[in-house]
Amino acid sequence: MKTNIVESYLLELQELNLRFKEFDHSYFEDNLKNLYKQLFHTTYDKRLFTSLLVKAIVALIQQTPVGFYILQHRHDNTKIGVLYKIGVDPKFRGKGIGQKLIEHAIKTCKQLNFKCIDLDVDKDNKIAIHLYMKNGFKIIEEMKDWYILRKKL
């Protein structure tokens, strides 16, 4: 009997044994600095780990970091979370890790009693835009080169 695409996808995710771990500045320095630079083409700023930081989560397969997200409060202290950075190691893309990171971020925002979650995305990043919209984000503002999206929780 043939396995359908959905079953195959779920089996692949289970085989990955993906787990999430909260991380701090020292973990980032030691383990994620190069991945950050590869994904965002810039060196990371230590100010990411300031008072606006709510959570920093890394996705691991065994002990290998394969993706992460950084969640912050909006600067005006409203009950709005900002998905400041999210990324998946290019070697692990197409395996559902980005979806799992989004789901984890949404769950975390709900646990923190945020009313919604905002993010911005480059207009050219069609894959990410599709992923966000599939998860209930809607464009709330259009800038020159990017969109601001929001998901009500």
C-alpha atoms as a PDB file:
ATOM      1  CA  MET A   1       0.000   0.000   0.000  1.00  0.00           C
ATOM      2  CA  LYS A   2       1.327   3.475  -0.944  1.00  0.00           C
ATOM      3  CA  THR A   3       1.916   6.065   1.774  1.00  0.00           C
ATOM      4  CA  ASN A   4       0.311   9.401   0.952  1.00  0.00           C
ATOM      5  CA  ILE A   5       2.232  12.678   1.121  1.00  0.00           C
ATOM      6  CA  VAL A   6       0.759  13.761   4.478  1.00  0.00           C
ATOM      7  CA  GLU A   7       1.599  10.443   6.149  1.00  0.00           C
ATOM      8  CA  SER A   8       5.094  10.556   4.671  1.00  0.00           C
ATOM      9  CA  TYR A   9       5.572  14.126   5.936  1.00  0.00           C
ATOM     10  CA  LEU A  10       4.428  13.192   9.462  1.00  0.00           C
ATOM     11  CA  LEU A  11       6.733  10.175   9.545  1.00  0.00           C
ATOM     12  CA  GLU A  12       9.660  12.328   8.454  1.00  0.00           C
ATOM     13  CA  LEU A  13       8.953  14.847  11.241  1.00  0.00           C
ATOM     14  CA  GLN A  14       8.749  12.061  13.824  1.00  0.00           C
ATOM     15  CA  GLU A  15      12.047  10.631  12.596  1.00  0.00           C
ATOM     16  CA  LEU A  16      13.681  14.044  13.053  1.00  0.00           C
ATOM     17  CA  ASN A  17      12.962  13.920  16.799  1.00  0.00           C
ATOM     18  CA  LEU A  18      12.647  17.698  16.894  1.00  0.00           C
ATOM     19  CA  ARG A  19      12.631  19.311  20.331  1.00  0.00           C
ATOM     20  CA  PHE A  20      12.566  22.882  21.586  1.00  0.00           C
ATOM     21  CA  LYS A  21      14.742  24.508  24.222  1.00  0.00           C
ATOM     22  CA  GLU A  22      14.816  28.017  25.616  1.00  0.00           C
ATOM     23  CA  PHE A  23      18.205  29.616  25.222  1.00  0.00           C
ATOM     24  CA  ASP A  24      20.096  32.577  26.624  1.00  0.00           C
ATOM     25  CA  HIS A  25      22.818  34.889  25.392  1.00  0.00           C
ATOM     26  CA  SER A  26      25.695  32.522  26.156  1.00  0.00           C
ATOM     27  CA  TYR A  27      24.028  29.627  24.277  1.00  0.00           C
ATOM     28  CA  PHE A  28      23.464  31.940  21.338  1.00  0.00           C
ATOM     29  CA  GLU A  29      27.097  33.076  21.378  1.00  0.00           C
ATOM     30  CA  ASP A  30      28.360  29.496  21.445  1.00  0.00           C
ATOM     31  CA  ASN A  31      25.885  27.751  19.131  1.00  0.00           C
ATOM     32  CA  LEU A  32      23.801  30.064  16.951  1.00  0.00           C
ATOM     33  CA  LYS A  33      25.970  33.027  16.009  1.00  0.00           C
ATOM     34  CA  ASN A  34      27.067  31.538  12.666  1.00  0.00           C
ATOM     35  CA  LEU A  35      23.571  30.301  11.770  1.00  0.00           C
ATOM     36  CA  TYR A  36      22.178  33.780  12.511  1.00  0.00           C
ATOM     37  CA  LYS A  37      24.750  35.375  10.214  1.00  0.00           C
ATOM     38  CA  GLN A  38      24.012  32.828   7.470  1.00  0.00           C
ATOM     39  CA  LEU A  39      20.245  33.373   7.663  1.00  0.00           C
ATOM     40  CA  PHE A  40      20.109  37.140   8.071  1.00  0.00           C
ATOM     41  CA  HIS A  41      23.380  38.207   6.382  1.00  0.00           C
ATOM     42  CA  THR A  42      24.382  40.283   9.367  1.00  0.00           C
ATOM     43  CA  THR A  43      26.042  39.752  12.704  1.00  0.00           C
ATOM     44  CA  TYR A  44      23.643  39.494  15.584  1.00  0.00           C
ATOM     45  CA  ASP A  45      23.183  42.332  18.024  1.00  0.00           C
ATOM     46  CA  LYS A  46      23.597  41.561  21.727  1.00  0.00           C
ATOM     47  CA  ARG A  47      20.724  43.966  22.374  1.00  0.00           C
ATOM     48  CA  LEU A  48      18.407  41.136  21.261  1.00  0.00           C
ATOM     49  CA  PHE A  49      18.762  39.918  24.826  1.00  0.00           C
ATOM     50  CA  THR A  50      17.448  43.074  26.497  1.00  0.00           C
ATOM     51  CA  SER A  51      14.368  43.813  28.545  1.00  0.00           C
ATOM     52  CA  LEU A  52      12.094  43.483  25.492  1.00  0.00           C
ATOM     53  CA  LEU A  53      13.050  39.829  25.103  1.00  0.00           C
ATOM     54  CA  VAL A  54      10.325  37.413  26.122  1.00  0.00           C
ATOM     55  CA  LYS A  55      11.598  34.073  24.820  1.00  0.00           C
ATOM     56  CA  ALA A  56      14.389  32.775  22.664  1.00  0.00           C
ATOM     57  CA  ILE A  57      13.769  29.218  21.497  1.00  0.00           C
ATOM     58  CA  VAL A  58      16.009  26.874  19.565  1.00  0.00           C
ATOM     59  CA  ALA A  59      14.810  23.813  17.637  1.00  0.00           C
ATOM     60  CA  LEU A  60      17.188  20.894  18.055  1.00  0.00           C
ATOM     61  CA  ILE A  61      17.641  17.568  16.338  1.00  0.00           C
ATOM     62  CA  GLN A  62      19.711  15.585  18.808  1.00  0.00           C
ATOM     63  CA  GLN A  63      22.102  18.351  19.945  1.00  0.00           C
ATOM     64  CA  THR A  64      22.226  20.168  16.592  1.00  0.00           C
ATOM     65  CA  PRO A  65      20.477  23.559  16.370  1.00  0.00           C
ATOM     66  CA  VAL A  66      18.381  23.522  13.196  1.00  0.00           C
ATOM     67  CA  GLY A  67      16.304  26.660  13.718  1.00  0.00           C
ATOM     68  CA  PHE A  68      15.233  29.251  16.244  1.00  0.00           C
ATOM     69  CA  TYR A  69      12.934  32.136  16.974  1.00  0.00           C
ATOM     70  CA  ILE A  70      13.202  35.234  19.121  1.00  0.00           C
ATOM     71  CA  LEU A  71      10.012  36.612  20.635  1.00  0.00           C
ATOM     72  CA  GLN A  72       9.788  40.119  22.077  1.00  0.00           C
ATOM     73  CA  HIS A  73       7.227  42.450  23.619  1.00  0.00           C
ATOM     74  CA  ARG A  74       6.243  45.302  21.389  1.00  0.00           C
ATOM     75  CA  HIS A  75       8.160  48.400  22.508  1.00  0.00           C
ATOM     76  CA  ASP A  76       5.007  50.159  23.787  1.00  0.00           C
ATOM     77  CA  ASN A  77       4.374  47.359  26.339  1.00  0.00           C
ATOM     78  CA  THR A  78       0.999  46.389  24.896  1.00  0.00           C
ATOM     79  CA  LYS A  79      -0.040  42.734  25.031  1.00  0.00           C
ATOM     80  CA  ILE A  80       1.375  42.221  21.543  1.00  0.00           C
ATOM     81  CA  GLY A  81       4.186  39.783  20.922  1.00  0.00           C
ATOM     82  CA  VAL A  82       6.655  40.378  18.125  1.00  0.00           C
ATOM     83  CA  LEU A  83       8.202  37.441  16.352  1.00  0.00           C
ATOM     84  CA  TYR A  84      11.434  39.349  15.931  1.00  0.00           C
ATOM     85  CA  LYS A  85      13.504  36.678  14.185  1.00  0.00           C
ATOM     86  CA  ILE A  86      12.736  33.191  12.978  1.00  0.00           C
ATOM     87  CA  GLY A  87      14.920  30.991  10.844  1.00  0.00           C
ATOM     88  CA  VAL A  88      15.676  27.434   9.800  1.00  0.00           C
ATOM     89  CA  ASP A  89      19.109  26.164   8.803  1.00  0.00           C
ATOM     90  CA  PRO A  90      19.040  25.835   4.987  1.00  0.00           C
ATOM     91  CA  LYS A  91      20.207  22.209   5.257  1.00  0.00           C
ATOM     92  CA  PHE A  92      16.985  21.379   7.153  1.00  0.00           C
ATOM     93  CA  ARG A  93      14.428  23.372   5.163  1.00  0.00           C
ATOM     94  CA  GLY A  94      11.443  21.651   3.610  1.00  0.00           C
ATOM     95  CA  LYS A  95      11.010  19.298   6.566  1.00  0.00           C
ATOM     96  CA  GLY A  96       8.296  21.182   8.456  1.00  0.00           C
ATOM     97  CA  ILE A  97      10.633  22.776  11.009  1.00  0.00           C
ATOM     98  CA  GLY A  98       9.510  26.318  10.152  1.00  0.00           C
ATOM     99  CA  GLN A  99       5.888  25.232  10.678  1.00  0.00           C
ATOM    100  CA  LYS A 100       6.763  23.719  14.058  1.00  0.00           C
ATOM    101  CA  LEU A 101       8.606  26.909  15.085  1.00  0.00           C
ATOM    102  CA  ILE A 102       5.558  29.032  14.139  1.00  0.00           C
ATOM    103  CA  GLU A 103       3.224  26.708  16.063  1.00  0.00           C
ATOM    104  CA  HIS A 104       5.511  26.851  19.094  1.00  0.00           C
ATOM    105  CA  ALA A 105       5.708  30.668  18.930  1.00  0.00           C
ATOM    106  CA  ILE A 106       1.910  30.977  18.706  1.00  0.00           C
ATOM    107  CA  LYS A 107       1.460  28.606  21.649  1.00  0.00           C
ATOM    108  CA  THR A 108       4.013  30.583  23.679  1.00  0.00           C
ATOM    109  CA  CYS A 109       2.222  33.873  22.917  1.00  0.00           C
ATOM    110  CA  LYS A 110      -1.085  32.377  24.059  1.00  0.00           C
ATOM    111  CA  GLN A 111       0.522  31.147  27.295  1.00  0.00           C
ATOM    112  CA  LEU A 112       1.836  34.680  27.865  1.00  0.00           C
ATOM    113  CA  ASN A 113      -1.696  36.052  27.329  1.00  0.00           C
ATOM    114  CA  PHE A 114      -0.726  38.149  24.326  1.00  0.00           C
ATOM    115  CA  LYS A 115      -3.679  39.408  22.327  1.00  0.00           C
ATOM    116  CA  CYS A 116      -1.852  39.048  19.043  1.00  0.00           C
ATOM    117  CA  ILE A 117       1.524  38.414  17.468  1.00  0.00           C
ATOM    118  CA  ASP A 118       3.187  40.648  14.866  1.00  0.00           C
ATOM    119  CA  LEU A 119       6.076  40.045  12.507  1.00  0.00           C
ATOM    120  CA  ASP A 120       7.588  41.616   9.452  1.00  0.00           C
ATOM    121  CA  VAL A 121       8.658  39.811   6.323  1.00  0.00           C
ATOM    122  CA  ASP A 122      10.491  40.831   3.171  1.00  0.00           C
ATOM    123  CA  LYS A 123       8.101  41.114   0.218  1.00  0.00           C
ATOM    124  CA  ASP A 124      10.343  38.818  -1.821  1.00  0.00           C
ATOM    125  CA  ASN A 125      10.174  36.001   0.745  1.00  0.00           C
ATOM    126  CA  LYS A 126       7.165  34.255  -0.817  1.00  0.00           C
ATOM    127  CA  ILE A 127       7.723  30.953   1.006  1.00  0.00           C
ATOM    128  CA  ALA A 128       7.682  32.645   4.424  1.00  0.00           C
ATOM    129  CA  ILE A 129       4.667  34.787   3.515  1.00  0.00           C
ATOM    130  CA  HIS A 130       2.767  31.646   2.490  1.00  0.00           C
ATOM    131  CA  LEU A 131       3.738  29.911   5.754  1.00  0.00           C
ATOM    132  CA  TYR A 132       2.609  32.862   7.881  1.00  0.00           C
ATOM    133  CA  MET A 133      -0.681  33.319   6.056  1.00  0.00           C
ATOM    134  CA  LYS A 134      -1.378  29.568   6.249  1.00  0.00           C
ATOM    135  CA  ASN A 135      -1.074  29.990  10.024  1.00  0.00           C
ATOM    136  CA  GLY A 136      -3.601  32.819  10.208  1.00  0.00           C
ATOM    137  CA  PHE A 137      -1.399  35.900   9.877  1.00  0.00           C
ATOM    138  CA  LYS A 138      -2.831  38.773   7.862  1.00  0.00           C
ATOM    139  CA  ILE A 139      -1.078  41.729   6.273  1.00  0.00           C
ATOM    140  CA  ILE A 140      -1.847  44.828   8.337  1.00  0.00           C
ATOM    141  CA  GLU A 141       0.628  47.230   6.764  1.00  0.00           C
ATOM    142  CA  GLU A 142       2.660  47.411   3.585  1.00  0.00           C
ATOM    143  CA  MET A 143       6.018  49.157   3.579  1.00  0.00           C
ATOM    144  CA  LYS A 144       8.329  49.741   0.633  1.00  0.00           C
ATOM    145  CA  ASP A 145      10.195  46.412   0.880  1.00  0.00           C
ATOM    146  CA  TRP A 146       8.294  44.408   3.506  1.00  0.00           C
ATOM    147  CA  TYR A 147       4.935  43.599   5.027  1.00  0.00           C
ATOM    148  CA  ILE A 148       3.868  43.749   8.648  1.00  0.00           C
ATOM    149  CA  LEU A 149       1.651  40.789   9.489  1.00  0.00           C
ATOM    150  CA  ARG A 150      -0.490  40.103  12.545  1.00  0.00           C
ATOM    151  CA  LYS A 151      -2.261  37.094  13.974  1.00  0.00           C
ATOM    152  CA  LYS A 152      -4.983  37.649  16.545  1.00  0.00           C
ATOM    153  CA  LEU A 153      -4.891  35.082  19.323  1.00  0.00           C
END
